[in-house]
Amino acid sequence: MNWSGLFYAAGPAGDTPRHLAALLSDDARAFVDGYSHLWSATLRREGKAWPATALLVVELLDNPLLGPEDPSLRDAMLAYLYEVGASP
């Protein structure tokens, strides 16, 4: 997918794959930035979602590197997908 042509609440979405890849890293600061990006930049403030990001989140759910020490992270990703699906 060409992310440079997609947009989210804060502007071009070209950096979104990098932010979400940080959710798989051991870098705590990058992880927090990626998680924050997911919940703040990729959901529209008026309650609508940017569904393109959901494709990356679905891929993250299949990755064994996602939250090996925190199984609740998968629940958070499912909650995000729920928000995307429930958005008008």
PDB file of N, CA and C in Angstrom:
ATOM      1  N   MET A   1       0.849  -1.171   0.000  1.00  0.00           N
ATOM      2  CA  MET A   1       0.000   0.000   0.000  1.00  0.00           C
ATOM      3  C   MET A   1       0.899   1.239   0.000  1.00  0.00           C
ATOM      4  N   ASN A   2       0.532   2.229  -0.776  1.00  0.00           N
ATOM      5  CA  ASN A   2       1.280   3.477  -0.828  1.00  0.00           C
ATOM      6  C   ASN A   2       0.727   4.446   0.216  1.00  0.00           C
ATOM      7  N   TRP A   3       1.358   4.481   1.365  1.00  0.00           N
ATOM      8  CA  TRP A   3       0.884   5.302   2.481  1.00  0.00           C
ATOM      9  C   TRP A   3       1.115   6.786   2.261  1.00  0.00           C
ATOM     10  N   SER A   4       2.006   7.165   1.360  1.00  0.00           N
ATOM     11  CA  SER A   4       2.295   8.578   1.157  1.00  0.00           C
ATOM     12  C   SER A   4       1.095   9.326   0.583  1.00  0.00           C
ATOM     13  N   GLY A   5       0.181   8.625  -0.055  1.00  0.00           N
ATOM     14  CA  GLY A   5      -1.007   9.266  -0.606  1.00  0.00           C
ATOM     15  C   GLY A   5      -2.214   9.222   0.308  1.00  0.00           C
ATOM     16  N   LEU A   6      -2.071   8.623   1.491  1.00  0.00           N
ATOM     17  CA  LEU A   6      -3.184   8.522   2.441  1.00  0.00           C
ATOM     18  C   LEU A   6      -3.048   9.587   3.522  1.00  0.00           C
ATOM     19  N   PHE A   7      -4.165   9.918   4.147  1.00  0.00           N
ATOM     20  CA  PHE A   7      -4.172  10.943   5.183  1.00  0.00           C
ATOM     21  C   PHE A   7      -4.893  10.431   6.418  1.00  0.00           C
ATOM     22  N   TYR A   8      -4.550  11.003   7.558  1.00  0.00           N
ATOM     23  CA  TYR A   8      -5.260  10.764   8.803  1.00  0.00           C
ATOM     24  C   TYR A   8      -5.471  12.116   9.469  1.00  0.00           C
ATOM     25  N   ALA A   9      -5.915  12.130  10.696  1.00  0.00           N
ATOM     26  CA  ALA A   9      -6.310  13.370  11.358  1.00  0.00           C
ATOM     27  C   ALA A   9      -5.215  14.424  11.390  1.00  0.00           C
ATOM     28  N   ALA A  10      -3.953  14.011  11.474  1.00  0.00           N
ATOM     29  CA  ALA A  10      -2.849  14.967  11.598  1.00  0.00           C
ATOM     30  C   ALA A  10      -2.171  15.273  10.267  1.00  0.00           C
ATOM     31  N   GLY A  11      -2.662  14.741   9.167  1.00  0.00           N
ATOM     32  CA  GLY A  11      -2.046  15.012   7.873  1.00  0.00           C
ATOM     33  C   GLY A  11      -1.695  13.741   7.137  1.00  0.00           C
ATOM     34  N   PRO A  12      -0.630  13.779   6.310  1.00  0.00           N
ATOM     35  CA  PRO A  12      -0.248  12.591   5.534  1.00  0.00           C
ATOM     36  C   PRO A  12       0.065  11.399   6.441  1.00  0.00           C
ATOM     37  N   ALA A  13      -0.328  10.222   5.980  1.00  0.00           N
ATOM     38  CA  ALA A  13      -0.172   9.012   6.785  1.00  0.00           C
ATOM     39  C   ALA A  13       1.113   8.249   6.476  1.00  0.00           C
ATOM     40  N   GLY A  14       2.040   8.840   5.772  1.00  0.00           N
ATOM     41  CA  GLY A  14       3.264   8.156   5.386  1.00  0.00           C
ATOM     42  C   GLY A  14       4.075   7.615   6.545  1.00  0.00           C
ATOM     43  N   ASP A  15       3.942   8.225   7.723  1.00  0.00           N
ATOM     44  CA  ASP A  15       4.708   7.773   8.886  1.00  0.00           C
ATOM     45  C   ASP A  15       3.981   6.704   9.709  1.00  0.00           C
ATOM     46  N   THR A  16       2.741   6.423   9.384  1.00  0.00           N
ATOM     47  CA  THR A  16       1.954   5.472  10.176  1.00  0.00           C
ATOM     48  C   THR A  16       2.565   4.069  10.206  1.00  0.00           C
ATOM     49  N   PRO A  17       3.003   3.487   9.096  1.00  0.00           N
ATOM     50  CA  PRO A  17       3.603   2.148   9.182  1.00  0.00           C
ATOM     51  C   PRO A  17       4.808   2.100  10.121  1.00  0.00           C
ATOM     52  N   ARG A  18       5.624   3.146  10.112  1.00  0.00           N
ATOM     53  CA  ARG A  18       6.794   3.186  10.996  1.00  0.00           C
ATOM     54  C   ARG A  18       6.357   3.248  12.458  1.00  0.00           C
ATOM     55  N   HIS A  19       5.367   4.065  12.742  1.00  0.00           N
ATOM     56  CA  HIS A  19       4.877   4.164  14.118  1.00  0.00           C
ATOM     57  C   HIS A  19       4.305   2.833  14.603  1.00  0.00           C
ATOM     58  N   LEU A  20       3.546   2.179  13.759  1.00  0.00           N
ATOM     59  CA  LEU A  20       2.935   0.916  14.179  1.00  0.00           C
ATOM     60  C   LEU A  20       3.947  -0.212  14.255  1.00  0.00           C
ATOM     61  N   ALA A  21       4.980  -0.171  13.431  1.00  0.00           N
ATOM     62  CA  ALA A  21       6.052  -1.172  13.527  1.00  0.00           C
ATOM     63  C   ALA A  21       6.748  -1.080  14.882  1.00  0.00           C
ATOM     64  N   ALA A  22       6.754   0.114  15.478  1.00  0.00           N
ATOM     65  CA  ALA A  22       7.375   0.293  16.794  1.00  0.00           C
ATOM     66  C   ALA A  22       6.653  -0.508  17.872  1.00  0.00           C
ATOM     67  N   LEU A  23       5.414  -0.885  17.618  1.00  0.00           N
ATOM     68  CA  LEU A  23       4.679  -1.705  18.588  1.00  0.00           C
ATOM     69  C   LEU A  23       5.276  -3.105  18.708  1.00  0.00           C
ATOM     70  N   LEU A  24       6.148  -3.454  17.778  1.00  0.00           N
ATOM     71  CA  LEU A  24       6.789  -4.762  17.798  1.00  0.00           C
ATOM     72  C   LEU A  24       8.213  -4.698  18.336  1.00  0.00           C
ATOM     73  N   SER A  25       8.680  -3.516  18.683  1.00  0.00           N
ATOM     74  CA  SER A  25      10.069  -3.354  19.095  1.00  0.00           C
ATOM     75  C   SER A  25      10.240  -3.439  20.610  1.00  0.00           C
ATOM     76  N   ASP A  26      11.482  -3.545  21.018  1.00  0.00           N
ATOM     77  CA  ASP A  26      11.816  -3.543  22.441  1.00  0.00           C
ATOM     78  C   ASP A  26      12.080  -2.132  22.957  1.00  0.00           C
ATOM     79  N   ASP A  27      12.042  -1.145  22.079  1.00  0.00           N
ATOM     80  CA  ASP A  27      12.291   0.254  22.444  1.00  0.00           C
ATOM     81  C   ASP A  27      11.033   0.820  23.091  1.00  0.00           C
ATOM     82  N   ALA A  28      11.062   1.001  24.410  1.00  0.00           N
ATOM     83  CA  ALA A  28       9.881   1.436  25.155  1.00  0.00           C
ATOM     84  C   ALA A  28       9.372   2.792  24.693  1.00  0.00           C
ATOM     85  N   ARG A  29      10.274   3.715  24.425  1.00  0.00           N
ATOM     86  CA  ARG A  29       9.858   5.053  23.986  1.00  0.00           C
ATOM     87  C   ARG A  29       9.171   4.988  22.618  1.00  0.00           C
ATOM     88  N   ALA A  30       9.755   4.229  21.692  1.00  0.00           N
ATOM     89  CA  ALA A  30       9.159   4.077  20.366  1.00  0.00           C
ATOM     90  C   ALA A  30       7.803   3.379  20.470  1.00  0.00           C
ATOM     91  N   PHE A  31       7.706   2.406  21.365  1.00  0.00           N
ATOM     92  CA  PHE A  31       6.440   1.705  21.571  1.00  0.00           C
ATOM     93  C   PHE A  31       5.351   2.683  22.025  1.00  0.00           C
ATOM     94  N   VAL A  32       5.667   3.504  23.006  1.00  0.00           N
ATOM     95  CA  VAL A  32       4.688   4.476  23.515  1.00  0.00           C
ATOM     96  C   VAL A  32       4.291   5.452  22.416  1.00  0.00           C
ATOM     97  N   ASP A  33       5.264   5.921  21.648  1.00  0.00           N
ATOM     98  CA  ASP A  33       4.957   6.830  20.540  1.00  0.00           C
ATOM     99  C   ASP A  33       4.058   6.157  19.505  1.00  0.00           C
ATOM    100  N   GLY A  34       4.329   4.887  19.196  1.00  0.00           N
ATOM    101  CA  GLY A  34       3.519   4.158  18.230  1.00  0.00           C
ATOM    102  C   GLY A  34       2.101   3.933  18.722  1.00  0.00           C
ATOM    103  N   TYR A  35       1.972   3.575  19.985  1.00  0.00           N
ATOM    104  CA  TYR A  35       0.653   3.341  20.569  1.00  0.00           C
ATOM    105  C   TYR A  35      -0.148   4.640  20.612  1.00  0.00           C
ATOM    106  N   SER A  36       0.517   5.719  20.989  1.00  0.00           N
ATOM    107  CA  SER A  36      -0.128   7.028  21.017  1.00  0.00           C
ATOM    108  C   SER A  36      -0.555   7.443  19.609  1.00  0.00           C
ATOM    109  N   HIS A  37       0.299   7.215  18.648  1.00  0.00           N
ATOM    110  CA  HIS A  37      -0.023   7.550  17.254  1.00  0.00           C
ATOM    111  C   HIS A  37      -1.269   6.795  16.808  1.00  0.00           C
ATOM    112  N   LEU A  38      -1.327   5.520  17.141  1.00  0.00           N
ATOM    113  CA  LEU A  38      -2.473   4.701  16.747  1.00  0.00           C
ATOM    114  C   LEU A  38      -3.779   5.296  17.253  1.00  0.00           C
ATOM    115  N   TRP A  39      -3.830   5.619  18.533  1.00  0.00           N
ATOM    116  CA  TRP A  39      -5.081   6.062  19.145  1.00  0.00           C
ATOM    117  C   TRP A  39      -5.366   7.546  18.954  1.00  0.00           C
ATOM    118  N   SER A  40      -4.344   8.359  18.702  1.00  0.00           N
ATOM    119  CA  SER A  40      -4.619   9.791  18.590  1.00  0.00           C
ATOM    120  C   SER A  40      -4.611  10.293  17.151  1.00  0.00           C
ATOM    121  N   ALA A  41      -3.707   9.812  16.331  1.00  0.00           N
ATOM    122  CA  ALA A  41      -3.577  10.360  14.979  1.00  0.00           C
ATOM    123  C   ALA A  41      -4.433   9.637  13.949  1.00  0.00           C
ATOM    124  N   THR A  42      -4.728   8.373  14.165  1.00  0.00           N
ATOM    125  CA  THR A  42      -5.406   7.615  13.116  1.00  0.00           C
ATOM    126  C   THR A  42      -6.915   7.540  13.286  1.00  0.00           C
ATOM    127  N   LEU A  43      -7.440   8.054  14.360  1.00  0.00           N
ATOM    128  CA  LEU A  43      -8.892   8.153  14.533  1.00  0.00           C
ATOM    129  C   LEU A  43      -9.280   9.624  14.426  1.00  0.00           C
ATOM    130  N   ARG A  44     -10.281   9.915  13.650  1.00  0.00           N
ATOM    131  CA  ARG A  44     -10.712  11.300  13.492  1.00  0.00           C
ATOM    132  C   ARG A  44     -11.360  11.800  14.770  1.00  0.00           C
ATOM    133  N   ARG A  45     -11.152  13.044  15.025  1.00  0.00           N
ATOM    134  CA  ARG A  45     -11.684  13.635  16.255  1.00  0.00           C
ATOM    135  C   ARG A  45     -13.211  13.661  16.293  1.00  0.00           C
ATOM    136  N   GLU A  46     -13.843  13.739  15.138  1.00  0.00           N
ATOM    137  CA  GLU A  46     -15.303  13.766  15.113  1.00  0.00           C
ATOM    138  C   GLU A  46     -15.910  12.367  15.193  1.00  0.00           C
ATOM    139  N   GLY A  47     -15.092  11.381  15.552  1.00  0.00           N
ATOM    140  CA  GLY A  47     -15.604  10.039  15.772  1.00  0.00           C
ATOM    141  C   GLY A  47     -15.498   9.110  14.583  1.00  0.00           C
ATOM    142  N   LYS A  48     -15.056   9.617  13.452  1.00  0.00           N
ATOM    143  CA  LYS A  48     -14.905   8.763  12.281  1.00  0.00           C
ATOM    144  C   LYS A  48     -13.496   8.172  12.270  1.00  0.00           C
ATOM    145  N   ALA A  49     -13.363   7.052  11.615  1.00  0.00           N
ATOM    146  CA  ALA A  49     -12.078   6.358  11.598  1.00  0.00           C
ATOM    147  C   ALA A  49     -11.398   6.495  10.244  1.00  0.00           C
ATOM    148  N   TRP A  50     -10.105   6.282  10.263  1.00  0.00           N
ATOM    149  CA  TRP A  50      -9.310   6.192   9.047  1.00  0.00           C
ATOM    150  C   TRP A  50      -9.040   4.702   8.843  1.00  0.00           C
ATOM    151  N   PRO A  51      -9.899   4.010   8.105  1.00  0.00           N
ATOM    152  CA  PRO A  51      -9.838   2.541   8.054  1.00  0.00           C
ATOM    153  C   PRO A  51      -8.580   1.948   7.446  1.00  0.00           C
ATOM    154  N   ALA A  52      -7.811   2.704   6.669  1.00  0.00           N
ATOM    155  CA  ALA A  52      -6.601   2.121   6.076  1.00  0.00           C
ATOM    156  C   ALA A  52      -5.660   1.601   7.149  1.00  0.00           C
ATOM    157  N   THR A  53      -5.605   2.271   8.288  1.00  0.00           N
ATOM    158  CA  THR A  53      -4.730   1.849   9.372  1.00  0.00           C
ATOM    159  C   THR A  53      -5.163   0.501   9.932  1.00  0.00           C
ATOM    160  N   ALA A  54      -6.439   0.196   9.845  1.00  0.00           N
ATOM    161  CA  ALA A  54      -6.939  -1.085  10.355  1.00  0.00           C
ATOM    162  C   ALA A  54      -6.242  -2.254   9.676  1.00  0.00           C
ATOM    163  N   LEU A  55      -5.855  -2.090   8.419  1.00  0.00           N
ATOM    164  CA  LEU A  55      -5.151  -3.173   7.719  1.00  0.00           C
ATOM    165  C   LEU A  55      -3.837  -3.502   8.402  1.00  0.00           C
ATOM    166  N   LEU A  56      -3.106  -2.483   8.830  1.00  0.00           N
ATOM    167  CA  LEU A  56      -1.852  -2.727   9.545  1.00  0.00           C
ATOM    168  C   LEU A  56      -2.106  -3.349  10.910  1.00  0.00           C
ATOM    169  N   VAL A  57      -3.153  -2.903  11.575  1.00  0.00           N
ATOM    170  CA  VAL A  57      -3.462  -3.439  12.905  1.00  0.00           C
ATOM    171  C   VAL A  57      -3.812  -4.923  12.805  1.00  0.00           C
ATOM    172  N   VAL A  58      -4.544  -5.301  11.783  1.00  0.00           N
ATOM    173  CA  VAL A  58      -4.876  -6.716  11.585  1.00  0.00           C
ATOM    174  C   VAL A  58      -3.594  -7.530  11.387  1.00  0.00           C
ATOM    175  N   GLU A  59      -2.648  -6.990  10.624  1.00  0.00           N
ATOM    176  CA  GLU A  59      -1.374  -7.678  10.446  1.00  0.00           C
ATOM    177  C   GLU A  59      -0.616  -7.795  11.765  1.00  0.00           C
ATOM    178  N   LEU A  60      -0.677  -6.754  12.591  1.00  0.00           N
ATOM    179  CA  LEU A  60      -0.003  -6.792  13.890  1.00  0.00           C
ATOM    180  C   LEU A  60      -0.556  -7.904  14.773  1.00  0.00           C
ATOM    181  N   LEU A  61      -1.852  -8.135  14.704  1.00  0.00           N
ATOM    182  CA  LEU A  61      -2.474  -9.169  15.533  1.00  0.00           C
ATOM    183  C   LEU A  61      -1.897 -10.555  15.254  1.00  0.00           C
ATOM    184  N   ASP A  62      -1.444 -10.777  14.042  1.00  0.00           N
ATOM    185  CA  ASP A  62      -0.865 -12.070  13.675  1.00  0.00           C
ATOM    186  C   ASP A  62       0.612 -12.185  14.017  1.00  0.00           C
ATOM    187  N   ASN A  63       1.226 -11.104  14.449  1.00  0.00           N
ATOM    188  CA  ASN A  63       2.667 -11.092  14.690  1.00  0.00           C
ATOM    189  C   ASN A  63       2.972 -11.518  16.127  1.00  0.00           C
ATOM    190  N   PRO A  64       3.785 -12.549  16.317  1.00  0.00           N
ATOM    191  CA  PRO A  64       4.101 -13.014  17.676  1.00  0.00           C
ATOM    192  C   PRO A  64       4.927 -12.001  18.480  1.00  0.00           C
ATOM    193  N   LEU A  65       5.494 -11.001  17.820  1.00  0.00           N
ATOM    194  CA  LEU A  65       6.263  -9.979  18.540  1.00  0.00           C
ATOM    195  C   LEU A  65       5.381  -8.930  19.204  1.00  0.00           C
ATOM    196  N   LEU A  66       4.081  -8.955  18.922  1.00  0.00           N
ATOM    197  CA  LEU A  66       3.167  -7.981  19.524  1.00  0.00           C
ATOM    198  C   LEU A  66       2.837  -8.392  20.955  1.00  0.00           C
ATOM    199  N   GLY A  67       3.361  -7.648  21.892  1.00  0.00           N
ATOM    200  CA  GLY A  67       3.024  -7.820  23.295  1.00  0.00           C
ATOM    201  C   GLY A  67       3.304  -9.164  23.919  1.00  0.00           C
ATOM    202  N   PRO A  68       4.493  -9.739  23.714  1.00  0.00           N
ATOM    203  CA  PRO A  68       4.737 -11.040  24.336  1.00  0.00           C
ATOM    204  C   PRO A  68       4.705 -10.980  25.864  1.00  0.00           C
ATOM    205  N   GLU A  69       5.009  -9.818  26.417  1.00  0.00           N
ATOM    206  CA  GLU A  69       4.990  -9.642  27.873  1.00  0.00           C
ATOM    207  C   GLU A  69       3.667  -9.063  28.367  1.00  0.00           C
ATOM    208  N   ASP A  70       2.831  -8.598  27.448  1.00  0.00           N
ATOM    209  CA  ASP A  70       1.569  -7.951  27.829  1.00  0.00           C
ATOM    210  C   ASP A  70       0.456  -8.434  26.906  1.00  0.00           C
ATOM    211  N   PRO A  71      -0.203  -9.523  27.255  1.00  0.00           N
ATOM    212  CA  PRO A  71      -1.254 -10.062  26.397  1.00  0.00           C
ATOM    213  C   PRO A  71      -2.443  -9.111  26.221  1.00  0.00           C
ATOM    214  N   SER A  72      -2.572  -8.121  27.093  1.00  0.00           N
ATOM    215  CA  SER A  72      -3.683  -7.180  26.950  1.00  0.00           C
ATOM    216  C   SER A  72      -3.502  -6.268  25.734  1.00  0.00           C
ATOM    217  N   LEU A  73      -2.296  -6.220  25.172  1.00  0.00           N
ATOM    218  CA  LEU A  73      -2.068  -5.387  23.996  1.00  0.00           C
ATOM    219  C   LEU A  73      -2.907  -5.878  22.815  1.00  0.00           C
ATOM    220  N   ARG A  74      -3.061  -7.170  22.689  1.00  0.00           N
ATOM    221  CA  ARG A  74      -3.918  -7.699  21.615  1.00  0.00           C
ATOM    222  C   ARG A  74      -5.363  -7.252  21.824  1.00  0.00           C
ATOM    223  N   ASP A  75      -5.806  -7.223  23.065  1.00  0.00           N
ATOM    224  CA  ASP A  75      -7.156  -6.727  23.356  1.00  0.00           C
ATOM    225  C   ASP A  75      -7.290  -5.260  22.965  1.00  0.00           C
ATOM    226  N   ALA A  76      -6.244  -4.490  23.200  1.00  0.00           N
ATOM    227  CA  ALA A  76      -6.264  -3.065  22.828  1.00  0.00           C
ATOM    228  C   ALA A  76      -6.349  -2.918  21.309  1.00  0.00           C
ATOM    229  N   MET A  77      -5.661  -3.782  20.573  1.00  0.00           N
ATOM    230  CA  MET A  77      -5.719  -3.721  19.112  1.00  0.00           C
ATOM    231  C   MET A  77      -7.120  -4.101  18.623  1.00  0.00           C
ATOM    232  N   LEU A  78      -7.734  -5.081  19.288  1.00  0.00           N
ATOM    233  CA  LEU A  78      -9.114  -5.438  18.937  1.00  0.00           C
ATOM    234  C   LEU A  78     -10.073  -4.307  19.270  1.00  0.00           C
ATOM    235  N   ALA A  79      -9.833  -3.616  20.377  1.00  0.00           N
ATOM    236  CA  ALA A  79     -10.662  -2.454  20.728  1.00  0.00           C
ATOM    237  C   ALA A  79     -10.523  -1.364  19.668  1.00  0.00           C
ATOM    238  N   TYR A  80      -9.300  -1.168  19.173  1.00  0.00           N
ATOM    239  CA  TYR A  80      -9.090  -0.189  18.104  1.00  0.00           C
ATOM    240  C   TYR A  80      -9.906  -0.580  16.865  1.00  0.00           C
ATOM    241  N   LEU A  81      -9.830  -1.859  16.481  1.00  0.00           N
ATOM    242  CA  LEU A  81     -10.592  -2.311  15.310  1.00  0.00           C
ATOM    243  C   LEU A  81     -12.081  -2.145  15.530  1.00  0.00           C
ATOM    244  N   TYR A  82     -12.538  -2.341  16.746  1.00  0.00           N
ATOM    245  CA  TYR A  82     -13.950  -2.097  17.054  1.00  0.00           C
ATOM    246  C   TYR A  82     -14.302  -0.628  16.816  1.00  0.00           C
ATOM    247  N   GLU A  83     -13.437   0.265  17.286  1.00  0.00           N
ATOM    248  CA  GLU A  83     -13.677   1.709  17.079  1.00  0.00           C
ATOM    249  C   GLU A  83     -13.754   2.040  15.603  1.00  0.00           C
ATOM    250  N   VAL A  84     -12.866   1.441  14.815  1.00  0.00           N
ATOM    251  CA  VAL A  84     -12.880   1.684  13.363  1.00  0.00           C
ATOM    252  C   VAL A  84     -14.187   1.169  12.775  1.00  0.00           C
ATOM    253  N   GLY A  85     -14.582  -0.024  13.168  1.00  0.00           N
ATOM    254  CA  GLY A  85     -15.798  -0.622  12.628  1.00  0.00           C
ATOM    255  C   GLY A  85     -17.070   0.063  13.092  1.00  0.00           C
ATOM    256  N   ALA A  86     -17.062   0.616  14.279  1.00  0.00           N
ATOM    257  CA  ALA A  86     -18.262   1.259  14.825  1.00  0.00           C
ATOM    258  C   ALA A  86     -18.372   2.722  14.430  1.00  0.00           C
ATOM    259  N   SER A  87     -17.329   3.270  13.842  1.00  0.00           N
ATOM    260  CA  SER A  87     -17.352   4.681  13.450  1.00  0.00           C
ATOM    261  C   SER A  87     -18.285   4.904  12.276  1.00  0.00           C
ATOM    262  N   PRO A  88     -18.951   6.047  12.295  1.00  0.00           N
ATOM    263  CA  PRO A  88     -19.870   6.364  11.177  1.00  0.00           C
ATOM    264  C   PRO A  88     -19.131   6.595   9.877  1.00  0.00           C
TER     265      PRO A  88
END
